[in-house]
C-alpha atoms as a PDB file:
ATOM      1  CA  UNK A   1     -19.501  61.190  18.625  1.00  0.00           C
ATOM      2  CA  UNK A   2     -22.779  58.964  17.469  1.00  0.00           C
ATOM      3  CA  UNK A   3     -22.742  56.129  14.943  1.00  0.00           C
ATOM      4  CA  UNK A   4     -25.424  55.004  12.885  1.00  0.00           C
ATOM      5  CA  UNK A   5     -25.496  51.369  11.168  1.00  0.00           C
ATOM      6  CA  UNK A   6     -27.352  51.792   7.685  1.00  0.00           C
ATOM      7  CA  UNK A   7     -28.552  48.641   5.938  1.00  0.00           C
ATOM      8  CA  UNK A   8     -29.405  49.371   2.541  1.00  0.00           C
ATOM      9  CA  UNK A   9     -31.906  46.970   0.561  1.00  0.00           C
ATOM     10  CA  UNK A  10     -32.898  47.081  -2.983  1.00  0.00           C
ATOM     11  CA  UNK A  11     -35.580  44.591  -4.134  1.00  0.00           C
ATOM     12  CA  UNK A  12     -34.904  44.512  -7.608  1.00  0.00           C
ATOM     13  CA  UNK A  13     -31.092  43.020  -7.913  1.00  0.00           C
ATOM     14  CA  UNK A  14     -30.169  41.846 -11.443  1.00  0.00           C
ATOM     15  CA  UNK A  15     -28.626  38.602  -9.418  1.00  0.00           C
ATOM     16  CA  UNK A  16     -31.308  37.301  -7.213  1.00  0.00           C
ATOM     17  CA  UNK A  17     -34.863  39.674  -7.766  1.00  0.00           C
ATOM     18  CA  UNK A  18     -36.271  39.462  -4.175  1.00  0.00           C
ATOM     19  CA  UNK A  19     -33.414  39.181  -2.124  1.00  0.00           C
ATOM     20  CA  UNK A  20     -34.511  40.640   0.650  1.00  0.00           C
ATOM     21  CA  UNK A  21     -37.199  38.780   1.149  1.00  0.00           C
ATOM     22  CA  UNK A  22     -36.010  35.524   0.435  1.00  0.00           C
ATOM     23  CA  UNK A  23     -37.024  32.994   3.488  1.00  0.00           C
ATOM     24  CA  UNK A  24     -34.206  31.590   5.925  1.00  0.00           C
ATOM     25  CA  UNK A  25     -34.994  29.531   7.982  1.00  0.00           C
ATOM     26  CA  UNK A  26     -38.640  30.967   8.249  1.00  0.00           C
ATOM     27  CA  UNK A  27     -37.465  34.238   8.297  1.00  0.00           C
ATOM     28  CA  UNK A  28     -36.656  36.810   5.800  1.00  0.00           C
ATOM     29  CA  UNK A  29     -32.820  37.278   4.583  1.00  0.00           C
ATOM     30  CA  UNK A  30     -33.001  41.581   5.603  1.00  0.00           C
ATOM     31  CA  UNK A  31     -34.528  40.129   9.352  1.00  0.00           C
ATOM     32  CA  UNK A  32     -31.608  37.977   9.752  1.00  0.00           C
ATOM     33  CA  UNK A  33     -29.007  41.019   8.736  1.00  0.00           C
ATOM     34  CA  UNK A  34     -31.612  43.069  11.644  1.00  0.00           C
ATOM     35  CA  UNK A  35     -31.209  40.661  14.288  1.00  0.00           C
ATOM     36  CA  UNK A  36     -27.646  40.218  13.671  1.00  0.00           C
ATOM     37  CA  UNK A  37     -26.765  43.772  13.453  1.00  0.00           C
ATOM     38  CA  UNK A  38     -28.886  44.563  16.763  1.00  0.00           C
ATOM     39  CA  UNK A  39     -26.136  42.666  18.568  1.00  0.00           C
ATOM     40  CA  UNK A  40     -23.379  45.373  18.353  1.00  0.00           C
ATOM     41  CA  UNK A  41     -22.551  47.216  21.168  1.00  0.00           C
ATOM     42  CA  UNK A  42     -20.494  50.835  19.710  1.00  0.00           C
ATOM     43  CA  UNK A  43     -23.723  51.386  17.787  1.00  0.00           C
ATOM     44  CA  UNK A  44     -26.362  54.010  18.914  1.00  0.00           C
ATOM     45  CA  UNK A  45     -29.322  53.209  16.252  1.00  0.00           C
ATOM     46  CA  UNK A  46     -29.498  51.031  13.263  1.00  0.00           C
ATOM     47  CA  UNK A  47     -32.378  51.121  10.407  1.00  0.00           C
ATOM     48  CA  UNK A  48     -33.010  49.819   6.513  1.00  0.00           C
ATOM     49  CA  UNK A  49     -33.387  51.918   4.217  1.00  0.00           C
ATOM     50  CA  UNK A  50     -35.356  50.770   0.812  1.00  0.00           C
ATOM     51  CA  UNK A  51     -37.063  52.157  -2.387  1.00  0.00           C
ATOM     52  CA  UNK A  52     -39.726  49.149  -2.100  1.00  0.00           C
ATOM     53  CA  UNK A  53     -42.469  49.297  -0.382  1.00  0.00           C
ATOM     54  CA  UNK A  54     -42.330  45.671   0.023  1.00  0.00           C
ATOM     55  CA  UNK A  55     -39.263  45.508   1.778  1.00  0.00           C
ATOM     56  CA  UNK A  56     -40.454  48.630   3.529  1.00  0.00           C
ATOM     57  CA  UNK A  57     -43.695  46.776   4.682  1.00  0.00           C
ATOM     58  CA  UNK A  58     -41.767  43.664   6.323  1.00  0.00           C
ATOM     59  CA  UNK A  59     -39.599  45.471   7.577  1.00  0.00           C
ATOM     60  CA  UNK A  60     -41.241  47.883   9.773  1.00  0.00           C
ATOM     61  CA  UNK A  61     -43.954  45.064  10.572  1.00  0.00           C
ATOM     62  CA  UNK A  62     -40.760  43.569  12.460  1.00  0.00           C
ATOM     63  CA  UNK A  63     -40.603  46.469  14.576  1.00  0.00           C
ATOM     64  CA  UNK A  64     -37.456  47.735  13.289  1.00  0.00           C
ATOM     65  CA  UNK A  65     -36.324  51.534  11.603  1.00  0.00           C
ATOM     66  CA  UNK A  66     -36.864  51.645   8.173  1.00  0.00           C
ATOM     67  CA  UNK A  67     -37.144  54.693   5.626  1.00  0.00           C
ATOM     68  CA  UNK A  68     -37.762  54.956   1.991  1.00  0.00           C
ATOM     69  CA  UNK A  69     -35.242  56.626  -0.120  1.00  0.00           C
ATOM     70  CA  UNK A  70     -35.613  57.300  -4.008  1.00  0.00           C
ATOM     71  CA  UNK A  71     -34.669  54.660  -6.285  1.00  0.00           C
ATOM     72  CA  UNK A  72     -32.284  57.581  -8.324  1.00  0.00           C
ATOM     73  CA  UNK A  73     -29.697  56.956  -5.958  1.00  0.00           C
ATOM     74  CA  UNK A  74     -26.322  55.177  -8.061  1.00  0.00           C
ATOM     75  CA  UNK A  75     -25.175  53.062  -5.433  1.00  0.00           C
ATOM     76  CA  UNK A  76     -25.627  51.826  -1.701  1.00  0.00           C
ATOM     77  CA  UNK A  77     -23.360  54.776  -0.685  1.00  0.00           C
ATOM     78  CA  UNK A  78     -25.416  57.123  -2.387  1.00  0.00           C
ATOM     79  CA  UNK A  79     -28.609  55.699  -0.927  1.00  0.00           C
ATOM     80  CA  UNK A  80     -26.871  55.867   2.677  1.00  0.00           C
ATOM     81  CA  UNK A  81     -25.761  59.523   1.406  1.00  0.00           C
ATOM     82  CA  UNK A  82     -29.336  61.096   0.911  1.00  0.00           C
ATOM     83  CA  UNK A  83     -29.780  58.887   4.210  1.00  0.00           C
ATOM     84  CA  UNK A  84     -27.797  60.889   5.908  1.00  0.00           C
ATOM     85  CA  UNK A  85     -28.912  63.852   4.383  1.00  0.00           C
ATOM     86  CA  UNK A  86     -32.890  63.869   4.984  1.00  0.00           C
ATOM     87  CA  UNK A  87     -33.520  61.457   7.847  1.00  0.00           C
ATOM     88  CA  UNK A  88     -29.984  61.489  10.252  1.00  0.00           C
ATOM     89  CA  UNK A  89     -28.668  64.560  10.370  1.00  0.00           C
ATOM     90  CA  UNK A  90     -27.128  64.061  14.579  1.00  0.00           C
ATOM     91  CA  UNK A  91     -24.863  61.605  13.300  1.00  0.00           C
ATOM     92  CA  UNK A  92     -21.244  61.834  12.820  1.00  0.00           C
ATOM     93  CA  UNK A  93     -20.264  58.123  11.941  1.00  0.00           C
ATOM     94  CA  UNK A  94     -21.839  55.820   9.552  1.00  0.00           C
ATOM     95  CA  UNK A  95     -21.507  52.218   8.725  1.00  0.00           C
ATOM     96  CA  UNK A  96     -23.446  50.238   5.723  1.00  0.00           C
ATOM     97  CA  UNK A  97     -23.411  46.840   6.245  1.00  0.00           C
ATOM     98  CA  UNK A  98     -25.015  45.145   3.241  1.00  0.00           C
ATOM     99  CA  UNK A  99     -28.689  43.598   3.773  1.00  0.00           C
ATOM    100  CA  UNK A 100     -27.290  40.005   1.750  1.00  0.00           C
ATOM    101  CA  UNK A 101     -24.898  39.489   5.381  1.00  0.00           C
ATOM    102  CA  UNK A 102     -26.524  37.643   7.210  1.00  0.00           C
ATOM    103  CA  UNK A 103     -23.449  36.163   9.229  1.00  0.00           C
ATOM    104  CA  UNK A 104     -21.885  40.008   9.757  1.00  0.00           C
ATOM    105  CA  UNK A 105     -19.690  40.015  12.538  1.00  0.00           C
ATOM    106  CA  UNK A 106     -20.767  42.619  14.659  1.00  0.00           C
ATOM    107  CA  UNK A 107     -17.471  42.647  16.769  1.00  0.00           C
ATOM    108  CA  UNK A 108     -16.511  43.911  13.109  1.00  0.00           C
ATOM    109  CA  UNK A 109     -18.831  46.147  12.940  1.00  0.00           C
ATOM    110  CA  UNK A 110     -17.811  47.620  16.529  1.00  0.00           C
ATOM    111  CA  UNK A 111     -14.479  47.871  15.231  1.00  0.00           C
ATOM    112  CA  UNK A 112     -14.942  49.913  12.518  1.00  0.00           C
ATOM    113  CA  UNK A 113     -16.929  52.724  14.318  1.00  0.00           C
ATOM    114  CA  UNK A 114     -14.400  52.708  16.954  1.00  0.00           C
ATOM    115  CA  UNK A 115     -11.689  52.957  14.338  1.00  0.00           C
ATOM    116  CA  UNK A 116     -13.247  56.027  13.128  1.00  0.00           C
ATOM    117  CA  UNK A 117     -13.906  57.295  16.689  1.00  0.00           C
ATOM    118  CA  UNK A 118     -10.392  57.102  17.576  1.00  0.00           C
ATOM    119  CA  UNK A 119      -8.675  58.031  14.061  1.00  0.00           C
ATOM    120  CA  UNK A 120      -9.887  61.833  12.846  1.00  0.00           C
ATOM    121  CA  UNK A 121      -7.795  60.898   9.989  1.00  0.00           C
ATOM    122  CA  UNK A 122      -9.616  58.399   8.444  1.00  0.00           C
ATOM    123  CA  UNK A 123     -12.540  59.087   6.538  1.00  0.00           C
ATOM    124  CA  UNK A 124     -13.283  55.675   5.012  1.00  0.00           C
ATOM    125  CA  UNK A 125     -13.109  52.300   6.357  1.00  0.00           C
ATOM    126  CA  UNK A 126     -13.846  48.709   5.060  1.00  0.00           C
ATOM    127  CA  UNK A 127     -12.899  45.135   6.027  1.00  0.00           C
ATOM    128  CA  UNK A 128     -11.043  42.022   4.533  1.00  0.00           C
ATOM    129  CA  UNK A 129     -10.722  38.602   4.811  1.00  0.00           C
ATOM    130  CA  UNK A 130      -7.731  36.213   3.759  1.00  0.00           C
ATOM    131  CA  UNK A 131      -8.733  33.804   1.373  1.00  0.00           C
ATOM    132  CA  UNK A 132      -7.169  30.500   0.050  1.00  0.00           C
ATOM    133  CA  UNK A 133      -9.865  28.487  -1.741  1.00  0.00           C
ATOM    134  CA  UNK A 134      -9.366  28.427  -5.611  1.00  0.00           C
ATOM    135  CA  UNK A 135     -13.506  28.492  -6.556  1.00  0.00           C
ATOM    136  CA  UNK A 136     -13.725  31.814  -4.116  1.00  0.00           C
ATOM    137  CA  UNK A 137     -10.801  32.999  -5.128  1.00  0.00           C
ATOM    138  CA  UNK A 138     -11.784  33.063  -8.741  1.00  0.00           C
ATOM    139  CA  UNK A 139     -15.687  33.920  -8.706  1.00  0.00           C
ATOM    140  CA  UNK A 140     -16.602  37.288  -9.581  1.00  0.00           C
ATOM    141  CA  UNK A 141     -19.352  37.083  -6.672  1.00  0.00           C
ATOM    142  CA  UNK A 142     -16.350  37.560  -4.329  1.00  0.00           C
ATOM    143  CA  UNK A 143     -14.692  40.860  -4.570  1.00  0.00           C
ATOM    144  CA  UNK A 144     -10.781  40.691  -4.207  1.00  0.00           C
ATOM    145  CA  UNK A 145      -8.882  43.503  -2.867  1.00  0.00           C
ATOM    146  CA  UNK A 146      -5.534  44.543  -2.747  1.00  0.00           C
ATOM    147  CA  UNK A 147      -4.069  47.018  -0.103  1.00  0.00           C
ATOM    148  CA  UNK A 148      -0.393  49.164   0.733  1.00  0.00           C
ATOM    149  CA  UNK A 149       1.951  48.348   3.065  1.00  0.00           C
ATOM    150  CA  UNK A 150      -0.402  50.644   5.122  1.00  0.00           C
ATOM    151  CA  UNK A 151      -3.281  48.890   4.586  1.00  0.00           C
ATOM    152  CA  UNK A 152      -5.038  51.384   2.259  1.00  0.00           C
ATOM    153  CA  UNK A 153      -6.942  49.707  -0.581  1.00  0.00           C
ATOM    154  CA  UNK A 154      -4.946  49.965  -4.123  1.00  0.00           C
ATOM    155  CA  UNK A 155      -8.094  48.719  -5.985  1.00  0.00           C
ATOM    156  CA  UNK A 156     -10.948  46.430  -5.785  1.00  0.00           C
ATOM    157  CA  UNK A 157     -12.028  43.695  -8.290  1.00  0.00           C
ATOM    158  CA  UNK A 158     -13.684  40.703  -9.341  1.00  0.00           C
ATOM    159  CA  UNK A 159     -11.027  39.336 -10.892  1.00  0.00           C
ATOM    160  CA  UNK A 160      -8.670  37.139  -9.068  1.00  0.00           C
ATOM    161  CA  UNK A 161      -5.940  40.150  -8.123  1.00  0.00           C
ATOM    162  CA  UNK A 162      -2.724  40.089  -8.047  1.00  0.00           C
ATOM    163  CA  UNK A 163      -2.525  38.213 -11.183  1.00  0.00           C
ATOM    164  CA  UNK A 164       0.024  35.648 -10.283  1.00  0.00           C
ATOM    165  CA  UNK A 165       2.686  35.241 -13.570  1.00  0.00           C
ATOM    166  CA  UNK A 166       4.922  33.257 -12.455  1.00  0.00           C
ATOM    167  CA  UNK A 167       3.201  30.984  -9.457  1.00  0.00           C
ATOM    168  CA  UNK A 168       4.778  33.324  -6.421  1.00  0.00           C
ATOM    169  CA  UNK A 169       3.906  32.823  -2.405  1.00  0.00           C
ATOM    170  CA  UNK A 170       0.588  35.098  -3.465  1.00  0.00           C
ATOM    171  CA  UNK A 171      -1.926  35.811  -0.803  1.00  0.00           C
ATOM    172  CA  UNK A 172      -5.833  36.828  -1.832  1.00  0.00           C
ATOM    173  CA  UNK A 173      -8.267  38.553   0.159  1.00  0.00           C
ATOM    174  CA  UNK A 174     -12.336  39.220   0.036  1.00  0.00           C
ATOM    175  CA  UNK A 175     -13.498  42.061   0.602  1.00  0.00           C
ATOM    176  CA  UNK A 176     -16.361  42.409   3.440  1.00  0.00           C
ATOM    177  CA  UNK A 177     -19.501  43.591   2.819  1.00  0.00           C
ATOM    178  CA  UNK A 178     -19.263  46.548   5.405  1.00  0.00           C
ATOM    179  CA  UNK A 179     -18.457  49.987   4.989  1.00  0.00           C
ATOM    180  CA  UNK A 180     -17.884  53.061   7.753  1.00  0.00           C
ATOM    181  CA  UNK A 181     -17.908  56.536   6.803  1.00  0.00           C
ATOM    182  CA  UNK A 182     -17.187  59.786   8.475  1.00  0.00           C
ATOM    183  CA  UNK A 183     -20.225  62.404   7.507  1.00  0.00           C
ATOM    184  CA  UNK A 184     -18.303  64.764   5.628  1.00  0.00           C
ATOM    185  CA  UNK A 185     -16.920  62.358   3.406  1.00  0.00           C
ATOM    186  CA  UNK A 186     -20.407  60.429   2.959  1.00  0.00           C
ATOM    187  CA  UNK A 187     -22.295  63.899   1.428  1.00  0.00           C
ATOM    188  CA  UNK A 188     -19.299  64.793  -0.967  1.00  0.00           C
ATOM    189  CA  UNK A 189     -19.244  61.280  -2.083  1.00  0.00           C
ATOM    190  CA  UNK A 190     -22.584  61.553  -3.490  1.00  0.00           C
ATOM    191  CA  UNK A 191     -21.763  64.137  -5.258  1.00  0.00           C
ATOM    192  CA  UNK A 192     -19.050  62.587  -7.434  1.00  0.00           C
ATOM    193  CA  UNK A 193     -20.113  61.254 -11.003  1.00  0.00           C
ATOM    194  CA  UNK A 194     -20.148  57.059 -11.281  1.00  0.00           C
ATOM    195  CA  UNK A 195     -16.718  56.735 -11.952  1.00  0.00           C
ATOM    196  CA  UNK A 196     -15.342  54.673 -15.256  1.00  0.00           C
ATOM    197  CA  UNK A 197     -13.553  51.644 -13.014  1.00  0.00           C
ATOM    198  CA  UNK A 198     -17.090  51.794 -11.167  1.00  0.00           C
ATOM    199  CA  UNK A 199     -19.304  51.582 -14.123  1.00  0.00           C
ATOM    200  CA  UNK A 200     -16.772  48.402 -15.458  1.00  0.00           C
ATOM    201  CA  UNK A 201     -16.405  46.748 -12.214  1.00  0.00           C
ATOM    202  CA  UNK A 202     -19.748  47.546 -10.731  1.00  0.00           C
ATOM    203  CA  UNK A 203     -18.356  48.250  -7.204  1.00  0.00           C
ATOM    204  CA  UNK A 204     -19.340  51.626  -5.618  1.00  0.00           C
ATOM    205  CA  UNK A 205     -15.449  51.593  -3.384  1.00  0.00           C
ATOM    206  CA  UNK A 206     -13.636  52.510  -7.155  1.00  0.00           C
ATOM    207  CA  UNK A 207     -15.747  55.773  -7.041  1.00  0.00           C
ATOM    208  CA  UNK A 208     -13.704  56.893  -3.993  1.00  0.00           C
ATOM    209  CA  UNK A 209     -10.434  55.332  -5.240  1.00  0.00           C
ATOM    210  CA  UNK A 210     -10.355  57.475  -8.483  1.00  0.00           C
ATOM    211  CA  UNK A 211     -11.169  60.577  -6.694  1.00  0.00           C
ATOM    212  CA  UNK A 212      -8.276  60.357  -4.775  1.00  0.00           C
ATOM    213  CA  UNK A 213     -10.161  58.977  -1.624  1.00  0.00           C
ATOM    214  CA  UNK A 214      -8.091  56.594   0.952  1.00  0.00           C
ATOM    215  CA  UNK A 215      -9.627  53.465   1.552  1.00  0.00           C
ATOM    216  CA  UNK A 216      -8.391  51.576   5.196  1.00  0.00           C
ATOM    217  CA  UNK A 217      -8.709  48.225   5.417  1.00  0.00           C
ATOM    218  CA  UNK A 218      -9.223  46.271   8.622  1.00  0.00           C
ATOM    219  CA  UNK A 219      -7.961  42.517   8.538  1.00  0.00           C
ATOM    220  CA  UNK A 220     -11.648  40.649   9.595  1.00  0.00           C
ATOM    221  CA  UNK A 221     -11.154  37.160  12.183  1.00  0.00           C
ATOM    222  CA  UNK A 222     -13.759  35.853  10.407  1.00  0.00           C
ATOM    223  CA  UNK A 223     -15.282  35.492   7.011  1.00  0.00           C
ATOM    224  CA  UNK A 224     -19.032  36.803   6.384  1.00  0.00           C
ATOM    225  CA  UNK A 225     -21.133  34.201   3.832  1.00  0.00           C
ATOM    226  CA  UNK A 226     -23.033  37.025   1.545  1.00  0.00           C
ATOM    227  CA  UNK A 227     -26.174  35.804  -0.523  1.00  0.00           C
ATOM    228  CA  UNK A 228     -25.350  36.752  -4.191  1.00  0.00           C
ATOM    229  CA  UNK A 229     -27.120  34.057  -5.510  1.00  0.00           C
ATOM    230  CA  UNK A 230     -29.463  31.501  -4.276  1.00  0.00           C
ATOM    231  CA  UNK A 231     -27.007  28.624  -4.329  1.00  0.00           C
ATOM    232  CA  UNK A 232     -25.481  30.717  -1.003  1.00  0.00           C
ATOM    233  CA  UNK A 233     -28.638  30.461   1.188  1.00  0.00           C
ATOM    234  CA  UNK A 234     -27.756  26.598   1.692  1.00  0.00           C
ATOM    235  CA  UNK A 235     -24.509  27.424   3.131  1.00  0.00           C
ATOM    236  CA  UNK A 236     -26.007  30.039   5.179  1.00  0.00           C
ATOM    237  CA  UNK A 237     -28.763  27.835   6.475  1.00  0.00           C
ATOM    238  CA  UNK A 238     -26.079  25.311   7.131  1.00  0.00           C
ATOM    239  CA  UNK A 239     -24.054  27.680   9.425  1.00  0.00           C
ATOM    240  CA  UNK A 240     -27.156  28.702  11.095  1.00  0.00           C
END
C-alpha cells in the first residue's frame, strides 16, 4: 500500500489572510511544515495542494511537489479528494496534514499510516492530545473532541466539551490537525453535501459523522502548535 501525505494550503483564510507565506525564522510557514513532514519514514510521497498561484510558486521554487486545485473545493478534505482522483491515482492511503502545523509530530503521521495499513476496517483516523490549560480549553481556535470507550469520535467542537455542570473530574482533548483516509472513503466523502453541523462549527470532519461514518482517534504523545492567529507565530518561534 502506497502512502501520500497531502498538505492543503489556502491563501484566503478569513482569520489570517496569506498565512501560508508568513515568515517564521526567515522561512515561509508552508516551508516549515514541508520540512517537518519530509522527516516521516512511512510515507512514499508528499505534496502541497493549493488554489493560489502565490503559494504554488513559492513551493515550486523551494523544490517540493505542488499541484493546483479548484477554488470551489468546499474544505481541505474535499481538496485532498480532488487531488487523489486527479493526480494520485496509484496511492491507497492519504494523510492530510494541515499547512499551518509546522510542529506536527512526524512519528504521529507515521503511526496513522501504519494503522491504516494494518487495520483494513478503518476508513478515517485522526489524533488528539489531552489538555489542561483553561485558556486552551476555552479557545474556539482549539478544536475539542470527545470519543467513546473504543476510541471513536462522538463529536468535535470549538466549545469546551463535555460541559462540566457539576464540577466533575472531566478530561479535555484537543484535536490535532492531521487526518488519515483510505482512498475509497476519501472519494466518497467529497460526494456528500456540506452538512448542517459542518456549517455550524466550520469543521469538515463533522460531515463524516453526520453521514454515519466512524473516525478513529489516536492519542498523541505530544501537542502540536498550529497557527490560527498572528499571536501563534510567537509561540512557534519560541519553540523553534
